[in-house]
């Protein structure tokens, strides 16, 4: 069963936005999926992308191939490929990215290394994504609360 965050609840029933679990897998497999692509998928196709494994090298390849086939079928062209980070910051439990601390400070919060280490990679990924200037940051503070930070 897929994991959704409470801060995503407003769109989980309709899945009109790409949930963090899928965004996590997109970064893992190196595909830039646009919201317009996502919204062309059926509910069943979205559920497959939510639940499909994407951890081992083989799973990552299968996920990417399945996703690119799906996008090509819907749009006539594959989605853009992105470089896959060799050591993504959400897998590094020893270093809190500066943008996380900067964003947390806007809410008078500071995340300790101990707290960072207790987070799952998916939680760290969510905070990293939600702290970026290009992202609508309305869910950063709810995420901090949800993660007991």
C-alpha atoms as a PDB file:
ATOM      1  CA  UNK A   1       0.000   0.000   0.000  1.00  0.00           C
ATOM      2  CA  UNK A   2       1.322   3.419  -0.956  1.00  0.00           C
ATOM      3  CA  UNK A   3       2.199   6.032   1.596  1.00  0.00           C
ATOM      4  CA  UNK A   4       0.561   9.427   1.323  1.00  0.00           C
ATOM      5  CA  UNK A   5       1.287  12.301   3.648  1.00  0.00           C
ATOM      6  CA  UNK A   6      -1.459  14.079   5.569  1.00  0.00           C
ATOM      7  CA  UNK A   7      -0.425  17.367   3.943  1.00  0.00           C
ATOM      8  CA  UNK A   8      -1.430  15.800   0.596  1.00  0.00           C
ATOM      9  CA  UNK A   9      -4.954  14.874   1.700  1.00  0.00           C
ATOM     10  CA  UNK A  10      -6.684  17.683  -0.181  1.00  0.00           C
ATOM     11  CA  UNK A  11      -5.884  16.059  -3.536  1.00  0.00           C
ATOM     12  CA  UNK A  12      -5.359  12.369  -2.783  1.00  0.00           C
ATOM     13  CA  UNK A  13      -8.946  11.324  -3.483  1.00  0.00           C
ATOM     14  CA  UNK A  14      -8.926  12.899  -6.940  1.00  0.00           C
ATOM     15  CA  UNK A  15      -5.173  12.494  -7.575  1.00  0.00           C
ATOM     16  CA  UNK A  16      -5.214  15.709  -9.610  1.00  0.00           C
ATOM     17  CA  UNK A  17      -1.672  16.429  -8.348  1.00  0.00           C
ATOM     18  CA  UNK A  18       1.345  14.137  -8.436  1.00  0.00           C
ATOM     19  CA  UNK A  19       1.792  12.693  -4.932  1.00  0.00           C
ATOM     20  CA  UNK A  20       5.194  12.749  -3.235  1.00  0.00           C
ATOM     21  CA  UNK A  21       5.562   8.979  -3.475  1.00  0.00           C
ATOM     22  CA  UNK A  22       5.414   9.255  -7.286  1.00  0.00           C
ATOM     23  CA  UNK A  23       7.650  12.342  -7.353  1.00  0.00           C
ATOM     24  CA  UNK A  24      10.159  10.345  -5.276  1.00  0.00           C
ATOM     25  CA  UNK A  25      10.064   7.549  -7.864  1.00  0.00           C
ATOM     26  CA  UNK A  26      10.389  10.043 -10.733  1.00  0.00           C
ATOM     27  CA  UNK A  27      13.624  11.388  -9.260  1.00  0.00           C
ATOM     28  CA  UNK A  28      14.777   7.817  -8.651  1.00  0.00           C
ATOM     29  CA  UNK A  29      14.209   6.770 -12.267  1.00  0.00           C
ATOM     30  CA  UNK A  30      15.157  10.083 -13.903  1.00  0.00           C
ATOM     31  CA  UNK A  31      11.915  11.118 -15.604  1.00  0.00           C
ATOM     32  CA  UNK A  32      10.420  14.622 -15.740  1.00  0.00           C
ATOM     33  CA  UNK A  33       6.689  13.985 -15.614  1.00  0.00           C
ATOM     34  CA  UNK A  34       4.577  17.047 -16.175  1.00  0.00           C
ATOM     35  CA  UNK A  35       1.253  17.554 -14.451  1.00  0.00           C
ATOM     36  CA  UNK A  36      -0.413  17.653 -17.866  1.00  0.00           C
ATOM     37  CA  UNK A  37       0.914  14.115 -18.482  1.00  0.00           C
ATOM     38  CA  UNK A  38      -0.216  12.903 -15.064  1.00  0.00           C
ATOM     39  CA  UNK A  39      -3.726  14.219 -15.615  1.00  0.00           C
ATOM     40  CA  UNK A  40      -4.036  12.255 -18.870  1.00  0.00           C
ATOM     41  CA  UNK A  41      -3.566   8.966 -17.007  1.00  0.00           C
ATOM     42  CA  UNK A  42      -6.562   6.935 -15.870  1.00  0.00           C
ATOM     43  CA  UNK A  43      -7.131   6.336 -12.146  1.00  0.00           C
ATOM     44  CA  UNK A  44      -5.898   2.774 -12.612  1.00  0.00           C
ATOM     45  CA  UNK A  45      -2.707   3.923 -14.350  1.00  0.00           C
ATOM     46  CA  UNK A  46      -2.054   6.419 -11.551  1.00  0.00           C
ATOM     47  CA  UNK A  47      -2.543   3.663  -8.967  1.00  0.00           C
ATOM     48  CA  UNK A  48      -0.038   1.457 -10.786  1.00  0.00           C
ATOM     49  CA  UNK A  49       2.528   4.283 -10.720  1.00  0.00           C
ATOM     50  CA  UNK A  50       1.811   4.892  -7.032  1.00  0.00           C
ATOM     51  CA  UNK A  51       2.150   1.245  -6.035  1.00  0.00           C
ATOM     52  CA  UNK A  52       4.793  -0.026  -8.459  1.00  0.00           C
ATOM     53  CA  UNK A  53       8.158  -0.778  -6.858  1.00  0.00           C
ATOM     54  CA  UNK A  54      11.063   1.503  -7.789  1.00  0.00           C
ATOM     55  CA  UNK A  55      14.013   0.640  -5.561  1.00  0.00           C
ATOM     56  CA  UNK A  56      16.332  -1.933  -7.085  1.00  0.00           C
ATOM     57  CA  UNK A  57      18.156  -1.296 -10.357  1.00  0.00           C
ATOM     58  CA  UNK A  58      15.766  -3.638 -12.171  1.00  0.00           C
ATOM     59  CA  UNK A  59      12.669  -2.066 -10.586  1.00  0.00           C
ATOM     60  CA  UNK A  60      13.876   1.429 -11.483  1.00  0.00           C
ATOM     61  CA  UNK A  61      14.339   0.386 -15.123  1.00  0.00           C
ATOM     62  CA  UNK A  62      10.906  -1.298 -15.230  1.00  0.00           C
ATOM     63  CA  UNK A  63       9.280   1.776 -13.663  1.00  0.00           C
ATOM     64  CA  UNK A  64      10.967   4.160 -16.109  1.00  0.00           C
ATOM     65  CA  UNK A  65      10.082   1.965 -19.108  1.00  0.00           C
ATOM     66  CA  UNK A  66       6.466   1.588 -17.983  1.00  0.00           C
ATOM     67  CA  UNK A  67       6.123   5.312 -17.356  1.00  0.00           C
ATOM     68  CA  UNK A  68       7.727   6.318 -20.657  1.00  0.00           C
ATOM     69  CA  UNK A  69       5.471   3.880 -22.555  1.00  0.00           C
ATOM     70  CA  UNK A  70       2.448   5.332 -20.807  1.00  0.00           C
ATOM     71  CA  UNK A  71       3.432   8.935 -21.550  1.00  0.00           C
ATOM     72  CA  UNK A  72       4.203   8.071 -25.185  1.00  0.00           C
ATOM     73  CA  UNK A  73       0.829   6.359 -25.593  1.00  0.00           C
ATOM     74  CA  UNK A  74      -0.984   9.415 -24.188  1.00  0.00           C
ATOM     75  CA  UNK A  75       1.024  12.195 -25.839  1.00  0.00           C
ATOM     76  CA  UNK A  76       2.884  10.686 -28.773  1.00  0.00           C
ATOM     77  CA  UNK A  77       6.240  11.544 -27.183  1.00  0.00           C
ATOM     78  CA  UNK A  78       8.144  10.248 -24.159  1.00  0.00           C
ATOM     79  CA  UNK A  79       8.683  12.443 -21.132  1.00  0.00           C
ATOM     80  CA  UNK A  80      12.005  14.224 -20.748  1.00  0.00           C
ATOM     81  CA  UNK A  81      14.741  12.183 -19.093  1.00  0.00           C
ATOM     82  CA  UNK A  82      16.611  13.748 -16.195  1.00  0.00           C
ATOM     83  CA  UNK A  83      19.982  12.861 -14.717  1.00  0.00           C
ATOM     84  CA  UNK A  84      19.727  10.559 -11.727  1.00  0.00           C
ATOM     85  CA  UNK A  85      21.623  11.826  -8.699  1.00  0.00           C
ATOM     86  CA  UNK A  86      24.222   9.319  -7.611  1.00  0.00           C
ATOM     87  CA  UNK A  87      24.010  10.397  -3.963  1.00  0.00           C
ATOM     88  CA  UNK A  88      20.748  12.294  -3.543  1.00  0.00           C
ATOM     89  CA  UNK A  89      20.529  14.469  -0.422  1.00  0.00           C
ATOM     90  CA  UNK A  90      17.455  12.633   0.898  1.00  0.00           C
ATOM     91  CA  UNK A  91      19.580   9.501   1.304  1.00  0.00           C
ATOM     92  CA  UNK A  92      22.237  11.365   3.284  1.00  0.00           C
ATOM     93  CA  UNK A  93      21.238  11.182   6.927  1.00  0.00           C
ATOM     94  CA  UNK A  94      24.450  12.919   8.005  1.00  0.00           C
ATOM     95  CA  UNK A  95      23.863  16.302   6.369  1.00  0.00           C
ATOM     96  CA  UNK A  96      20.806  18.525   6.463  1.00  0.00           C
ATOM     97  CA  UNK A  97      20.578  20.554   3.238  1.00  0.00           C
ATOM     98  CA  UNK A  98      20.939  24.284   3.846  1.00  0.00           C
ATOM     99  CA  UNK A  99      17.676  25.096   2.031  1.00  0.00           C
ATOM    100  CA  UNK A 100      15.804  22.957   4.572  1.00  0.00           C
ATOM    101  CA  UNK A 101      17.249  24.915   7.500  1.00  0.00           C
ATOM    102  CA  UNK A 102      16.605  28.229   5.744  1.00  0.00           C
ATOM    103  CA  UNK A 103      12.987  27.322   5.058  1.00  0.00           C
ATOM    104  CA  UNK A 104      12.490  25.961   8.592  1.00  0.00           C
ATOM    105  CA  UNK A 105      13.886  29.192  10.053  1.00  0.00           C
ATOM    106  CA  UNK A 106      11.082  31.101   8.315  1.00  0.00           C
ATOM    107  CA  UNK A 107       8.766  29.276  10.730  1.00  0.00           C
ATOM    108  CA  UNK A 108      11.115  29.761  13.711  1.00  0.00           C
ATOM    109  CA  UNK A 109      12.084  26.102  13.532  1.00  0.00           C
ATOM    110  CA  UNK A 110      15.437  24.386  13.437  1.00  0.00           C
ATOM    111  CA  UNK A 111      15.916  20.760  12.497  1.00  0.00           C
ATOM    112  CA  UNK A 112      18.586  18.899  14.423  1.00  0.00           C
ATOM    113  CA  UNK A 113      20.767  16.221  12.911  1.00  0.00           C
ATOM    114  CA  UNK A 114      19.137  13.690  15.233  1.00  0.00           C
ATOM    115  CA  UNK A 115      15.685  14.658  13.916  1.00  0.00           C
ATOM    116  CA  UNK A 116      16.911  14.504  10.312  1.00  0.00           C
ATOM    117  CA  UNK A 117      18.336  11.035  10.893  1.00  0.00           C
ATOM    118  CA  UNK A 118      15.010   9.769  12.242  1.00  0.00           C
ATOM    119  CA  UNK A 119      13.172  10.787   9.069  1.00  0.00           C
ATOM    120  CA  UNK A 120      12.620   8.286   6.289  1.00  0.00           C
ATOM    121  CA  UNK A 121      14.188   8.999   2.896  1.00  0.00           C
ATOM    122  CA  UNK A 122      10.687   9.811   1.581  1.00  0.00           C
ATOM    123  CA  UNK A 123      10.138  12.346   4.382  1.00  0.00           C
ATOM    124  CA  UNK A 124      13.530  13.935   3.700  1.00  0.00           C
ATOM    125  CA  UNK A 125      12.693  14.021  -0.019  1.00  0.00           C
ATOM    126  CA  UNK A 126       9.386  15.763   0.715  1.00  0.00           C
ATOM    127  CA  UNK A 127      11.058  18.437   2.842  1.00  0.00           C
ATOM    128  CA  UNK A 128      13.691  19.033   0.168  1.00  0.00           C
ATOM    129  CA  UNK A 129      11.064  19.398  -2.544  1.00  0.00           C
ATOM    130  CA  UNK A 130       8.837  21.596  -0.391  1.00  0.00           C
ATOM    131  CA  UNK A 131      11.728  23.891   0.537  1.00  0.00           C
ATOM    132  CA  UNK A 132      12.650  24.791  -3.042  1.00  0.00           C
ATOM    133  CA  UNK A 133      11.850  28.338  -4.201  1.00  0.00           C
ATOM    134  CA  UNK A 134      10.220  27.011  -7.364  1.00  0.00           C
ATOM    135  CA  UNK A 135       7.673  25.012  -5.350  1.00  0.00           C
ATOM    136  CA  UNK A 136       4.492  26.339  -3.840  1.00  0.00           C
ATOM    137  CA  UNK A 137       5.636  26.156  -0.240  1.00  0.00           C
ATOM    138  CA  UNK A 138       2.268  26.069   1.511  1.00  0.00           C
ATOM    139  CA  UNK A 139       2.872  22.466   2.587  1.00  0.00           C
ATOM    140  CA  UNK A 140       6.314  22.915   4.137  1.00  0.00           C
ATOM    141  CA  UNK A 141       5.032  23.890   7.577  1.00  0.00           C
ATOM    142  CA  UNK A 142       2.311  21.188   7.602  1.00  0.00           C
ATOM    143  CA  UNK A 143       5.045  18.700   6.684  1.00  0.00           C
ATOM    144  CA  UNK A 144       7.189  19.878   9.600  1.00  0.00           C
ATOM    145  CA  UNK A 145       4.252  19.355  11.944  1.00  0.00           C
ATOM    146  CA  UNK A 146       3.396  15.974  10.441  1.00  0.00           C
ATOM    147  CA  UNK A 147       7.002  14.797  10.829  1.00  0.00           C
ATOM    148  CA  UNK A 148       7.069  16.050  14.449  1.00  0.00           C
ATOM    149  CA  UNK A 149       9.664  18.684  13.729  1.00  0.00           C
END
